[in-house]
Amino acid sequence: MPNHTLYLVFSNPVAGRDDDFDEWYDTVHVPEVVATPGMVSARRYTVLDTEMSRLAGAPAHRYLVVYEMDDDPDVVMAKVRAQVATGTMTMHDSLDLSGVAMSFWAPHGPLVRHES
């Protein structure tokens, strides 16, 4: 069975750089990351202001990217790090690197779908 790891990246833009951040993330960064062998897909999310989230407290991050991998995360991320180190993956100064949080997730149990 193939590895279906989720790679979650929580981030924020530098203050006042939201438009630059979104433009870079949507048109440059996500496509470059997904082009890395072992990456399958990605989708960006924006935190919602809901009654439940207000009760729980504001999250530290406004943005989330969920990447799906079909290879060993250490192997895939070594490729990503190499691209960053050689300059073949474009980073941008609108990303607030001081607050980025990343984690990797493996399936735990079967996928359950709503029956219609």
PDB file of N, CA and C in Angstrom:
ATOM      1  N   MET A   1       0.842  -1.179   0.000  1.00  0.00           N
ATOM      2  CA  MET A   1       0.000   0.000   0.000  1.00  0.00           C
ATOM      3  C   MET A   1       0.886   1.242   0.000  1.00  0.00           C
ATOM      4  N   PRO A   2       0.595   2.212  -0.868  1.00  0.00           N
ATOM      5  CA  PRO A   2       1.441   3.405  -0.923  1.00  0.00           C
ATOM      6  C   PRO A   2       1.346   4.230   0.354  1.00  0.00           C
ATOM      7  N   ASN A   3       2.404   4.967   0.604  1.00  0.00           N
ATOM      8  CA  ASN A   3       2.455   5.865   1.748  1.00  0.00           C
ATOM      9  C   ASN A   3       1.633   7.112   1.419  1.00  0.00           C
ATOM     10  N   HIS A   4       0.659   7.448   2.231  1.00  0.00           N
ATOM     11  CA  HIS A   4      -0.143   8.659   2.030  1.00  0.00           C
ATOM     12  C   HIS A   4       0.060   9.583   3.220  1.00  0.00           C
ATOM     13  N   THR A   5       1.239  10.141   3.308  1.00  0.00           N
ATOM     14  CA  THR A   5       1.572  11.044   4.393  1.00  0.00           C
ATOM     15  C   THR A   5       1.016  12.429   4.103  1.00  0.00           C
ATOM     16  N   LEU A   6       0.473  13.070   5.131  1.00  0.00           N
ATOM     17  CA  LEU A   6       0.098  14.471   5.029  1.00  0.00           C
ATOM     18  C   LEU A   6       1.185  15.305   5.689  1.00  0.00           C
ATOM     19  N   TYR A   7       1.583  16.344   5.000  1.00  0.00           N
ATOM     20  CA  TYR A   7       2.572  17.297   5.490  1.00  0.00           C
ATOM     21  C   TYR A   7       1.823  18.612   5.695  1.00  0.00           C
ATOM     22  N   LEU A   8       1.693  19.040   6.936  1.00  0.00           N
ATOM     23  CA  LEU A   8       0.951  20.249   7.268  1.00  0.00           C
ATOM     24  C   LEU A   8       1.919  21.371   7.608  1.00  0.00           C
ATOM     25  N   VAL A   9       1.718  22.516   6.959  1.00  0.00           N
ATOM     26  CA  VAL A   9       2.558  23.687   7.200  1.00  0.00           C
ATOM     27  C   VAL A   9       1.655  24.844   7.627  1.00  0.00           C
ATOM     28  N   PHE A  10       1.866  25.322   8.848  1.00  0.00           N
ATOM     29  CA  PHE A  10       1.125  26.454   9.393  1.00  0.00           C
ATOM     30  C   PHE A  10       2.021  27.685   9.301  1.00  0.00           C
ATOM     31  N   SER A  11       1.475  28.795   8.792  1.00  0.00           N
ATOM     32  CA  SER A  11       2.330  29.966   8.601  1.00  0.00           C
ATOM     33  C   SER A  11       1.541  31.264   8.670  1.00  0.00           C
ATOM     34  N   ASN A  12       2.296  32.346   8.703  1.00  0.00           N
ATOM     35  CA  ASN A  12       1.762  33.708   8.664  1.00  0.00           C
ATOM     36  C   ASN A  12       2.654  34.551   7.769  1.00  0.00           C
ATOM     37  N   PRO A  13       2.079  35.588   7.166  1.00  0.00           N
ATOM     38  CA  PRO A  13       2.920  36.528   6.429  1.00  0.00           C
ATOM     39  C   PRO A  13       3.567  37.528   7.381  1.00  0.00           C
ATOM     40  N   VAL A  14       4.613  38.161   6.911  1.00  0.00           N
ATOM     41  CA  VAL A  14       5.183  39.305   7.608  1.00  0.00           C
ATOM     42  C   VAL A  14       4.095  40.382   7.645  1.00  0.00           C
ATOM     43  N   ALA A  15       4.012  41.125   8.724  1.00  0.00           N
ATOM     44  CA  ALA A  15       2.979  42.159   8.875  1.00  0.00           C
ATOM     45  C   ALA A  15       2.954  43.096   7.665  1.00  0.00           C
ATOM     46  N   GLY A  16       1.753  43.280   7.123  1.00  0.00           N
ATOM     47  CA  GLY A  16       1.561  44.174   5.991  1.00  0.00           C
ATOM     48  C   GLY A  16       1.916  43.590   4.641  1.00  0.00           C
ATOM     49  N   ARG A  17       2.284  42.308   4.591  1.00  0.00           N
ATOM     50  CA  ARG A  17       2.732  41.689   3.333  1.00  0.00           C
ATOM     51  C   ARG A  17       1.777  40.601   2.853  1.00  0.00           C
ATOM     52  N   ASP A  18       0.516  40.644   3.262  1.00  0.00           N
ATOM     53  CA  ASP A  18      -0.447  39.595   2.932  1.00  0.00           C
ATOM     54  C   ASP A  18      -0.564  39.337   1.428  1.00  0.00           C
ATOM     55  N   ASP A  19      -0.682  40.403   0.637  1.00  0.00           N
ATOM     56  CA  ASP A  19      -0.857  40.225  -0.807  1.00  0.00           C
ATOM     57  C   ASP A  19       0.366  39.567  -1.440  1.00  0.00           C
ATOM     58  N   ASP A  20       1.561  40.026  -1.062  1.00  0.00           N
ATOM     59  CA  ASP A  20       2.798  39.419  -1.581  1.00  0.00           C
ATOM     60  C   ASP A  20       2.889  37.952  -1.176  1.00  0.00           C
ATOM     61  N   PHE A  21       2.548  37.675   0.069  1.00  0.00           N
ATOM     62  CA  PHE A  21       2.578  36.316   0.612  1.00  0.00           C
ATOM     63  C   PHE A  21       1.645  35.398  -0.183  1.00  0.00           C
ATOM     64  N   ASP A  22       0.393  35.829  -0.365  1.00  0.00           N
ATOM     65  CA  ASP A  22      -0.576  35.010  -1.104  1.00  0.00           C
ATOM     66  C   ASP A  22      -0.145  34.786  -2.545  1.00  0.00           C
ATOM     67  N   GLU A  23       0.330  35.830  -3.199  1.00  0.00           N
ATOM     68  CA  GLU A  23       0.774  35.717  -4.596  1.00  0.00           C
ATOM     69  C   GLU A  23       1.917  34.710  -4.710  1.00  0.00           C
ATOM     70  N   TRP A  24       2.926  34.848  -3.858  1.00  0.00           N
ATOM     71  CA  TRP A  24       4.066  33.926  -3.890  1.00  0.00           C
ATOM     72  C   TRP A  24       3.631  32.507  -3.560  1.00  0.00           C
ATOM     73  N   TYR A  25       2.844  32.338  -2.485  1.00  0.00           N
ATOM     74  CA  TYR A  25       2.460  30.995  -2.052  1.00  0.00           C
ATOM     75  C   TYR A  25       1.639  30.289  -3.127  1.00  0.00           C
ATOM     76  N   ASP A  26       0.658  31.010  -3.706  1.00  0.00           N
ATOM     77  CA  ASP A  26      -0.255  30.394  -4.679  1.00  0.00           C
ATOM     78  C   ASP A  26       0.379  30.136  -6.040  1.00  0.00           C
ATOM     79  N   THR A  27       1.193  31.073  -6.514  1.00  0.00           N
ATOM     80  CA  THR A  27       1.678  30.973  -7.895  1.00  0.00           C
ATOM     81  C   THR A  27       3.105  30.461  -8.023  1.00  0.00           C
ATOM     82  N   VAL A  28       3.863  30.488  -6.932  1.00  0.00           N
ATOM     83  CA  VAL A  28       5.264  30.057  -7.000  1.00  0.00           C
ATOM     84  C   VAL A  28       5.531  28.876  -6.063  1.00  0.00           C
ATOM     85  N   HIS A  29       5.348  29.097  -4.769  1.00  0.00           N
ATOM     86  CA  HIS A  29       5.816  28.110  -3.789  1.00  0.00           C
ATOM     87  C   HIS A  29       5.076  26.779  -3.862  1.00  0.00           C
ATOM     88  N   VAL A  30       3.759  26.815  -3.781  1.00  0.00           N
ATOM     89  CA  VAL A  30       3.014  25.546  -3.809  1.00  0.00           C
ATOM     90  C   VAL A  30       3.292  24.769  -5.098  1.00  0.00           C
ATOM     91  N   PRO A  31       3.251  25.407  -6.291  1.00  0.00           N
ATOM     92  CA  PRO A  31       3.582  24.634  -7.496  1.00  0.00           C
ATOM     93  C   PRO A  31       5.000  24.058  -7.480  1.00  0.00           C
ATOM     94  N   GLU A  32       5.971  24.809  -6.954  1.00  0.00           N
ATOM     95  CA  GLU A  32       7.337  24.284  -6.886  1.00  0.00           C
ATOM     96  C   GLU A  32       7.424  23.098  -5.935  1.00  0.00           C
ATOM     97  N   VAL A  33       6.781  23.186  -4.787  1.00  0.00           N
ATOM     98  CA  VAL A  33       6.826  22.075  -3.833  1.00  0.00           C
ATOM     99  C   VAL A  33       6.149  20.845  -4.419  1.00  0.00           C
ATOM    100  N   VAL A  34       4.977  21.015  -5.019  1.00  0.00           N
ATOM    101  CA  VAL A  34       4.237  19.871  -5.568  1.00  0.00           C
ATOM    102  C   VAL A  34       4.990  19.226  -6.737  1.00  0.00           C
ATOM    103  N   ALA A  35       5.828  19.985  -7.423  1.00  0.00           N
ATOM    104  CA  ALA A  35       6.627  19.421  -8.519  1.00  0.00           C
ATOM    105  C   ALA A  35       7.748  18.514  -8.018  1.00  0.00           C
ATOM    106  N   THR A  36       8.019  18.523  -6.726  1.00  0.00           N
ATOM    107  CA  THR A  36       9.055  17.673  -6.138  1.00  0.00           C
ATOM    108  C   THR A  36       8.615  16.215  -6.198  1.00  0.00           C
ATOM    109  N   PRO A  37       9.465  15.313  -6.700  1.00  0.00           N
ATOM    110  CA  PRO A  37       9.098  13.896  -6.712  1.00  0.00           C
ATOM    111  C   PRO A  37       8.724  13.412  -5.311  1.00  0.00           C
ATOM    112  N   GLY A  38       7.607  12.705  -5.232  1.00  0.00           N
ATOM    113  CA  GLY A  38       7.093  12.219  -3.959  1.00  0.00           C
ATOM    114  C   GLY A  38       5.939  13.043  -3.428  1.00  0.00           C
ATOM    115  N   MET A  39       5.792  14.264  -3.936  1.00  0.00           N
ATOM    116  CA  MET A  39       4.638  15.096  -3.581  1.00  0.00           C
ATOM    117  C   MET A  39       3.506  14.772  -4.555  1.00  0.00           C
ATOM    118  N   VAL A  40       2.282  14.771  -4.048  1.00  0.00           N
ATOM    119  CA  VAL A  40       1.121  14.431  -4.869  1.00  0.00           C
ATOM    120  C   VAL A  40       0.218  15.637  -5.096  1.00  0.00           C
ATOM    121  N   SER A  41      -0.067  16.369  -4.026  1.00  0.00           N
ATOM    122  CA  SER A  41      -1.023  17.470  -4.137  1.00  0.00           C
ATOM    123  C   SER A  41      -0.820  18.447  -2.991  1.00  0.00           C
ATOM    124  N   ALA A  42      -1.488  19.583  -3.108  1.00  0.00           N
ATOM    125  CA  ALA A  42      -1.467  20.576  -2.036  1.00  0.00           C
ATOM    126  C   ALA A  42      -2.723  21.428  -2.130  1.00  0.00           C
ATOM    127  N   ARG A  43      -3.151  21.892  -0.986  1.00  0.00           N
ATOM    128  CA  ARG A  43      -4.259  22.853  -0.923  1.00  0.00           C
ATOM    129  C   ARG A  43      -4.003  23.788   0.247  1.00  0.00           C
ATOM    130  N   ARG A  44      -4.202  25.090  -0.019  1.00  0.00           N
ATOM    131  CA  ARG A  44      -4.056  26.104   1.035  1.00  0.00           C
ATOM    132  C   ARG A  44      -5.396  26.340   1.708  1.00  0.00           C
ATOM    133  N   TYR A  45      -5.324  26.666   2.984  1.00  0.00           N
ATOM    134  CA  TYR A  45      -6.511  26.978   3.776  1.00  0.00           C
ATOM    135  C   TYR A  45      -6.255  28.253   4.571  1.00  0.00           C
ATOM    136  N   THR A  46      -7.337  28.976   4.844  1.00  0.00           N
ATOM    137  CA  THR A  46      -7.308  30.157   5.700  1.00  0.00           C
ATOM    138  C   THR A  46      -8.159  29.862   6.923  1.00  0.00           C
ATOM    139  N   VAL A  47      -7.673  30.235   8.090  1.00  0.00           N
ATOM    140  CA  VAL A  47      -8.418  29.987   9.322  1.00  0.00           C
ATOM    141  C   VAL A  47      -9.751  30.742   9.274  1.00  0.00           C
ATOM    142  N   LEU A  48     -10.781  30.117   9.803  1.00  0.00           N
ATOM    143  CA  LEU A  48     -12.105  30.733   9.871  1.00  0.00           C
ATOM    144  C   LEU A  48     -12.360  31.284  11.265  1.00  0.00           C
ATOM    145  N   ASP A  49     -13.059  32.393  11.315  1.00  0.00           N
ATOM    146  CA  ASP A  49     -13.487  32.968  12.586  1.00  0.00           C
ATOM    147  C   ASP A  49     -14.887  32.434  12.862  1.00  0.00           C
ATOM    148  N   THR A  50     -14.980  31.440  13.734  1.00  0.00           N
ATOM    149  CA  THR A  50     -16.264  30.819  14.057  1.00  0.00           C
ATOM    150  C   THR A  50     -16.524  30.931  15.552  1.00  0.00           C
ATOM    151  N   GLU A  51     -17.747  30.675  15.939  1.00  0.00           N
ATOM    152  CA  GLU A  51     -18.085  30.702  17.364  1.00  0.00           C
ATOM    153  C   GLU A  51     -17.217  29.713  18.139  1.00  0.00           C
ATOM    154  N   MET A  52     -17.066  28.524  17.599  1.00  0.00           N
ATOM    155  CA  MET A  52     -16.268  27.497  18.276  1.00  0.00           C
ATOM    156  C   MET A  52     -14.803  27.925  18.391  1.00  0.00           C
ATOM    157  N   SER A  53     -14.247  28.501  17.322  1.00  0.00           N
ATOM    158  CA  SER A  53     -12.842  28.916  17.397  1.00  0.00           C
ATOM    159  C   SER A  53     -12.659  30.074  18.375  1.00  0.00           C
ATOM    160  N   ARG A  54     -13.643  30.941  18.497  1.00  0.00           N
ATOM    161  CA  ARG A  54     -13.546  32.028  19.485  1.00  0.00           C
ATOM    162  C   ARG A  54     -13.564  31.467  20.906  1.00  0.00           C
ATOM    163  N   LEU A  55     -14.336  30.424  21.138  1.00  0.00           N
ATOM    164  CA  LEU A  55     -14.370  29.791  22.460  1.00  0.00           C
ATOM    165  C   LEU A  55     -13.040  29.115  22.784  1.00  0.00           C
ATOM    166  N   ALA A  56     -12.435  28.514  21.770  1.00  0.00           N
ATOM    167  CA  ALA A  56     -11.188  27.769  21.962  1.00  0.00           C
ATOM    168  C   ALA A  56      -9.964  28.677  22.008  1.00  0.00           C
ATOM    169  N   GLY A  57     -10.089  29.885  21.510  1.00  0.00           N
ATOM    170  CA  GLY A  57      -8.950  30.796  21.451  1.00  0.00           C
ATOM    171  C   GLY A  57      -8.397  30.878  20.040  1.00  0.00           C
ATOM    172  N   ALA A  58      -7.917  32.027  19.691  1.00  0.00           N
ATOM    173  CA  ALA A  58      -7.404  32.251  18.338  1.00  0.00           C
ATOM    174  C   ALA A  58      -6.160  31.401  18.091  1.00  0.00           C
ATOM    175  N   PRO A  59      -6.089  30.762  16.929  1.00  0.00           N
ATOM    176  CA  PRO A  59      -4.884  29.991  16.612  1.00  0.00           C
ATOM    177  C   PRO A  59      -3.708  30.928  16.334  1.00  0.00           C
ATOM    178  N   ALA A  60      -2.528  30.394  16.429  1.00  0.00           N
ATOM    179  CA  ALA A  60      -1.317  31.187  16.207  1.00  0.00           C
ATOM    180  C   ALA A  60      -1.077  31.479  14.731  1.00  0.00           C
ATOM    181  N   HIS A  61      -1.689  30.696  13.858  1.00  0.00           N
ATOM    182  CA  HIS A  61      -1.435  30.822  12.422  1.00  0.00           C
ATOM    183  C   HIS A  61      -2.726  31.119  11.669  1.00  0.00           C
ATOM    184  N   ARG A  62      -2.607  31.915  10.630  1.00  0.00           N
ATOM    185  CA  ARG A  62      -3.761  32.231   9.790  1.00  0.00           C
ATOM    186  C   ARG A  62      -3.846  31.339   8.561  1.00  0.00           C
ATOM    187  N   TYR A  63      -2.749  30.724   8.184  1.00  0.00           N
ATOM    188  CA  TYR A  63      -2.714  29.932   6.955  1.00  0.00           C
ATOM    189  C   TYR A  63      -2.204  28.518   7.215  1.00  0.00           C
ATOM    190  N   LEU A  64      -2.746  27.603   6.441  1.00  0.00           N
ATOM    191  CA  LEU A  64      -2.350  26.193   6.483  1.00  0.00           C
ATOM    192  C   LEU A  64      -2.234  25.695   5.055  1.00  0.00           C
ATOM    193  N   VAL A  65      -1.189  24.936   4.784  1.00  0.00           N
ATOM    194  CA  VAL A  65      -1.097  24.186   3.532  1.00  0.00           C
ATOM    195  C   VAL A  65      -1.061  22.717   3.906  1.00  0.00           C
ATOM    196  N   VAL A  66      -1.907  21.927   3.246  1.00  0.00           N
ATOM    197  CA  VAL A  66      -1.916  20.477   3.427  1.00  0.00           C
ATOM    198  C   VAL A  66      -1.344  19.871   2.152  1.00  0.00           C
ATOM    199  N   TYR A  67      -0.164  19.281   2.273  1.00  0.00           N
ATOM    200  CA  TYR A  67       0.478  18.588   1.159  1.00  0.00           C
ATOM    201  C   TYR A  67       0.256  17.098   1.351  1.00  0.00           C
ATOM    202  N   GLU A  68       0.059  16.380   0.259  1.00  0.00           N
ATOM    203  CA  GLU A  68      -0.030  14.921   0.305  1.00  0.00           C
ATOM    204  C   GLU A  68       1.207  14.352  -0.372  1.00  0.00           C
ATOM    205  N   MET A  69       1.822  13.372   0.289  1.00  0.00           N
ATOM    206  CA  MET A  69       3.018  12.699  -0.233  1.00  0.00           C
ATOM    207  C   MET A  69       2.716  11.228  -0.464  1.00  0.00           C
ATOM    208  N   ASP A  70       3.406  10.651  -1.434  1.00  0.00           N
ATOM    209  CA  ASP A  70       3.270   9.207  -1.647  1.00  0.00           C
ATOM    210  C   ASP A  70       4.619   8.503  -1.535  1.00  0.00           C
ATOM    211  N   ASP A  71       5.562   9.137  -0.832  1.00  0.00           N
ATOM    212  CA  ASP A  71       6.888   8.559  -0.623  1.00  0.00           C
ATOM    213  C   ASP A  71       7.318   8.875   0.811  1.00  0.00           C
ATOM    214  N   ASP A  72       8.417   8.305   1.220  1.00  0.00           N
ATOM    215  CA  ASP A  72       8.952   8.512   2.562  1.00  0.00           C
ATOM    216  C   ASP A  72       9.159  10.010   2.810  1.00  0.00           C
ATOM    217  N   PRO A  73       8.580  10.561   3.866  1.00  0.00           N
ATOM    218  CA  PRO A  73       8.709  11.998   4.124  1.00  0.00           C
ATOM    219  C   PRO A  73      10.153  12.481   4.247  1.00  0.00           C
ATOM    220  N   ASP A  74      11.029  11.677   4.838  1.00  0.00           N
ATOM    221  CA  ASP A  74      12.429  12.091   4.964  1.00  0.00           C
ATOM    222  C   ASP A  74      13.091  12.217   3.597  1.00  0.00           C
ATOM    223  N   VAL A  75      12.761  11.311   2.692  1.00  0.00           N
ATOM    224  CA  VAL A  75      13.317  11.349   1.333  1.00  0.00           C
ATOM    225  C   VAL A  75      12.791  12.571   0.584  1.00  0.00           C
ATOM    226  N   VAL A  76      11.489  12.789   0.655  1.00  0.00           N
ATOM    227  CA  VAL A  76      10.876  13.920  -0.049  1.00  0.00           C
ATOM    228  C   VAL A  76      11.407  15.244   0.496  1.00  0.00           C
ATOM    229  N   MET A  77      11.473  15.361   1.809  1.00  0.00           N
ATOM    230  CA  MET A  77      11.921  16.622   2.395  1.00  0.00           C
ATOM    231  C   MET A  77      13.409  16.874   2.166  1.00  0.00           C
ATOM    232  N   ALA A  78      14.204  15.819   2.012  1.00  0.00           N
ATOM    233  CA  ALA A  78      15.612  16.005   1.641  1.00  0.00           C
ATOM    234  C   ALA A  78      15.694  16.656   0.261  1.00  0.00           C
ATOM    235  N   LYS A  79      14.803  16.257  -0.636  1.00  0.00           N
ATOM    236  CA  LYS A  79      14.753  16.872  -1.975  1.00  0.00           C
ATOM    237  C   LYS A  79      14.333  18.337  -1.873  1.00  0.00           C
ATOM    238  N   VAL A  80      13.341  18.620  -1.050  1.00  0.00           N
ATOM    239  CA  VAL A  80      12.885  20.004  -0.873  1.00  0.00           C
ATOM    240  C   VAL A  80      14.008  20.859  -0.290  1.00  0.00           C
ATOM    241  N   ARG A  81      14.663  20.372   0.753  1.00  0.00           N
ATOM    242  CA  ARG A  81      15.766  21.129   1.367  1.00  0.00           C
ATOM    243  C   ARG A  81      16.896  21.382   0.366  1.00  0.00           C
ATOM    244  N   ALA A  82      17.187  20.395  -0.470  1.00  0.00           N
ATOM    245  CA  ALA A  82      18.231  20.564  -1.483  1.00  0.00           C
ATOM    246  C   ALA A  82      17.838  21.650  -2.485  1.00  0.00           C
ATOM    247  N   GLN A  83      16.560  21.688  -2.845  1.00  0.00           N
ATOM    248  CA  GLN A  83      16.094  22.722  -3.780  1.00  0.00           C
ATOM    249  C   GLN A  83      16.201  24.113  -3.152  1.00  0.00           C
ATOM    250  N   VAL A  84      15.863  24.223  -1.888  1.00  0.00           N
ATOM    251  CA  VAL A  84      15.983  25.512  -1.198  1.00  0.00           C
ATOM    252  C   VAL A  84      17.457  25.915  -1.122  1.00  0.00           C
ATOM    253  N   ALA A  85      18.328  24.973  -0.762  1.00  0.00           N
ATOM    254  CA  ALA A  85      19.759  25.262  -0.601  1.00  0.00           C
ATOM    255  C   ALA A  85      20.417  25.700  -1.906  1.00  0.00           C
ATOM    256  N   THR A  86      19.973  25.126  -3.026  1.00  0.00           N
ATOM    257  CA  THR A  86      20.575  25.465  -4.321  1.00  0.00           C
ATOM    258  C   THR A  86      19.879  26.631  -5.009  1.00  0.00           C
ATOM    259  N   GLY A  87      18.802  27.122  -4.419  1.00  0.00           N
ATOM    260  CA  GLY A  87      18.084  28.242  -5.016  1.00  0.00           C
ATOM    261  C   GLY A  87      17.116  27.861  -6.111  1.00  0.00           C
ATOM    262  N   THR A  88      16.905  26.553  -6.324  1.00  0.00           N
ATOM    263  CA  THR A  88      15.948  26.134  -7.353  1.00  0.00           C
ATOM    264  C   THR A  88      14.514  26.146  -6.833  1.00  0.00           C
ATOM    265  N   MET A  89      14.337  26.326  -5.521  1.00  0.00           N
ATOM    266  CA  MET A  89      13.014  26.555  -4.950  1.00  0.00           C
ATOM    267  C   MET A  89      13.020  27.986  -4.426  1.00  0.00           C
ATOM    268  N   THR A  90      12.043  28.745  -4.866  1.00  0.00           N
ATOM    269  CA  THR A  90      11.989  30.167  -4.573  1.00  0.00           C
ATOM    270  C   THR A  90      11.367  30.438  -3.211  1.00  0.00           C
ATOM    271  N   MET A  91      12.128  31.044  -2.330  1.00  0.00           N
ATOM    272  CA  MET A  91      11.585  31.494  -1.051  1.00  0.00           C
ATOM    273  C   MET A  91      11.281  32.989  -1.183  1.00  0.00           C
ATOM    274  N   HIS A  92      10.527  33.538  -0.229  1.00  0.00           N
ATOM    275  CA  HIS A  92      10.117  34.940  -0.341  1.00  0.00           C
ATOM    276  C   HIS A  92      10.163  35.601   1.028  1.00  0.00           C
ATOM    277  N   ASP A  93      10.535  36.868   1.036  1.00  0.00           N
ATOM    278  CA  ASP A  93      10.671  37.570   2.312  1.00  0.00           C
ATOM    279  C   ASP A  93       9.338  37.974   2.941  1.00  0.00           C
ATOM    280  N   SER A  94       8.219  37.662   2.295  1.00  0.00           N
ATOM    281  CA  SER A  94       6.906  37.927   2.900  1.00  0.00           C
ATOM    282  C   SER A  94       6.488  36.824   3.876  1.00  0.00           C
ATOM    283  N   LEU A  95       7.202  35.700   3.872  1.00  0.00           N
ATOM    284  CA  LEU A  95       6.928  34.595   4.798  1.00  0.00           C
ATOM    285  C   LEU A  95       7.617  34.872   6.128  1.00  0.00           C
ATOM    286  N   ASP A  96       6.843  34.872   7.203  1.00  0.00           N
ATOM    287  CA  ASP A  96       7.404  35.055   8.543  1.00  0.00           C
ATOM    288  C   ASP A  96       7.966  33.713   9.018  1.00  0.00           C
ATOM    289  N   LEU A  97       9.250  33.513   8.791  1.00  0.00           N
ATOM    290  CA  LEU A  97       9.895  32.240   9.129  1.00  0.00           C
ATOM    291  C   LEU A  97       9.941  31.979  10.631  1.00  0.00           C
ATOM    292  N   SER A  98       9.821  33.012  11.434  1.00  0.00           N
ATOM    293  CA  SER A  98       9.929  32.827  12.884  1.00  0.00           C
ATOM    294  C   SER A  98       8.762  32.042  13.467  1.00  0.00           C
ATOM    295  N   GLY A  99       7.652  31.963  12.755  1.00  0.00           N
ATOM    296  CA  GLY A  99       6.487  31.296  13.318  1.00  0.00           C
ATOM    297  C   GLY A  99       5.999  30.087  12.556  1.00  0.00           C
ATOM    298  N   VAL A 100       6.753  29.645  11.570  1.00  0.00           N
ATOM    299  CA  VAL A 100       6.316  28.494  10.766  1.00  0.00           C
ATOM    300  C   VAL A 100       6.318  27.230  11.626  1.00  0.00           C
ATOM    301  N   ALA A 101       5.255  26.441  11.502  1.00  0.00           N
ATOM    302  CA  ALA A 101       5.166  25.148  12.196  1.00  0.00           C
ATOM    303  C   ALA A 101       4.836  24.079  11.166  1.00  0.00           C
ATOM    304  N   MET A 102       5.526  22.950  11.244  1.00  0.00           N
ATOM    305  CA  MET A 102       5.328  21.855  10.294  1.00  0.00           C
ATOM    306  C   MET A 102       5.150  20.551  11.045  1.00  0.00           C
ATOM    307  N   SER A 103       4.348  19.659  10.459  1.00  0.00           N
ATOM    308  CA  SER A 103       4.212  18.320  11.033  1.00  0.00           C
ATOM    309  C   SER A 103       3.813  17.347   9.939  1.00  0.00           C
ATOM    310  N   PHE A 104       4.088  16.078  10.184  1.00  0.00           N
ATOM    311  CA  PHE A 104       3.794  15.008   9.234  1.00  0.00           C
ATOM    312  C   PHE A 104       2.812  14.049   9.881  1.00  0.00           C
ATOM    313  N   TRP A 105       1.847  13.588   9.090  1.00  0.00           N
ATOM    314  CA  TRP A 105       0.765  12.760   9.618  1.00  0.00           C
ATOM    315  C   TRP A 105       0.551  11.547   8.727  1.00  0.00           C
ATOM    316  N   ALA A 106       0.432  10.376   9.358  1.00  0.00           N
ATOM    317  CA  ALA A 106       0.140   9.128   8.649  1.00  0.00           C
ATOM    318  C   ALA A 106      -1.287   8.704   8.980  1.00  0.00           C
ATOM    319  N   PRO A 107      -1.954   8.016   8.056  1.00  0.00           N
ATOM    320  CA  PRO A 107      -3.307   7.540   8.353  1.00  0.00           C
ATOM    321  C   PRO A 107      -3.303   6.643   9.586  1.00  0.00           C
ATOM    322  N   HIS A 108      -4.360   6.761  10.358  1.00  0.00           N
ATOM    323  CA  HIS A 108      -4.524   5.942  11.557  1.00  0.00           C
ATOM    324  C   HIS A 108      -5.980   5.493  11.583  1.00  0.00           C
ATOM    325  N   GLY A 109      -6.228   4.363  10.986  1.00  0.00           N
ATOM    326  CA  GLY A 109      -7.607   3.883  10.864  1.00  0.00           C
ATOM    327  C   GLY A 109      -8.133   4.118   9.459  1.00  0.00           C
ATOM    328  N   PRO A 110      -9.285   3.544   9.174  1.00  0.00           N
ATOM    329  CA  PRO A 110      -9.845   3.630   7.823  1.00  0.00           C
ATOM    330  C   PRO A 110     -10.465   5.003   7.552  1.00  0.00           C
ATOM    331  N   LEU A 111     -10.577   5.326   6.273  1.00  0.00           N
ATOM    332  CA  LEU A 111     -11.300   6.516   5.845  1.00  0.00           C
ATOM    333  C   LEU A 111     -12.789   6.248   6.002  1.00  0.00           C
ATOM    334  N   VAL A 112     -13.493   7.133   6.661  1.00  0.00           N
ATOM    335  CA  VAL A 112     -14.931   6.984   6.883  1.00  0.00           C
ATOM    336  C   VAL A 112     -15.631   8.094   6.118  1.00  0.00           C
ATOM    337  N   ARG A 113     -16.601   7.718   5.294  1.00  0.00           N
ATOM    338  CA  ARG A 113     -17.341   8.690   4.488  1.00  0.00           C
ATOM    339  C   ARG A 113     -18.806   8.697   4.881  1.00  0.00           C
ATOM    340  N   HIS A 114     -19.429   9.828   4.687  1.00  0.00           N
ATOM    341  CA  HIS A 114     -20.867   9.965   4.901  1.00  0.00           C
ATOM    342  C   HIS A 114     -21.602   9.131   3.854  1.00  0.00           C
ATOM    343  N   GLU A 115     -22.568   8.376   4.302  1.00  0.00           N
ATOM    344  CA  GLU A 115     -23.374   7.585   3.365  1.00  0.00           C
ATOM    345  C   GLU A 115     -24.554   8.426   2.921  1.00  0.00           C
ATOM    346  N   SER A 116     -24.701   8.582   1.601  1.00  0.00           N
ATOM    347  CA  SER A 116     -25.831   9.372   1.105  1.00  0.00           C
ATOM    348  C   SER A 116     -26.842   8.527   0.377  1.00  0.00           C
TER     349      SER A 116
END
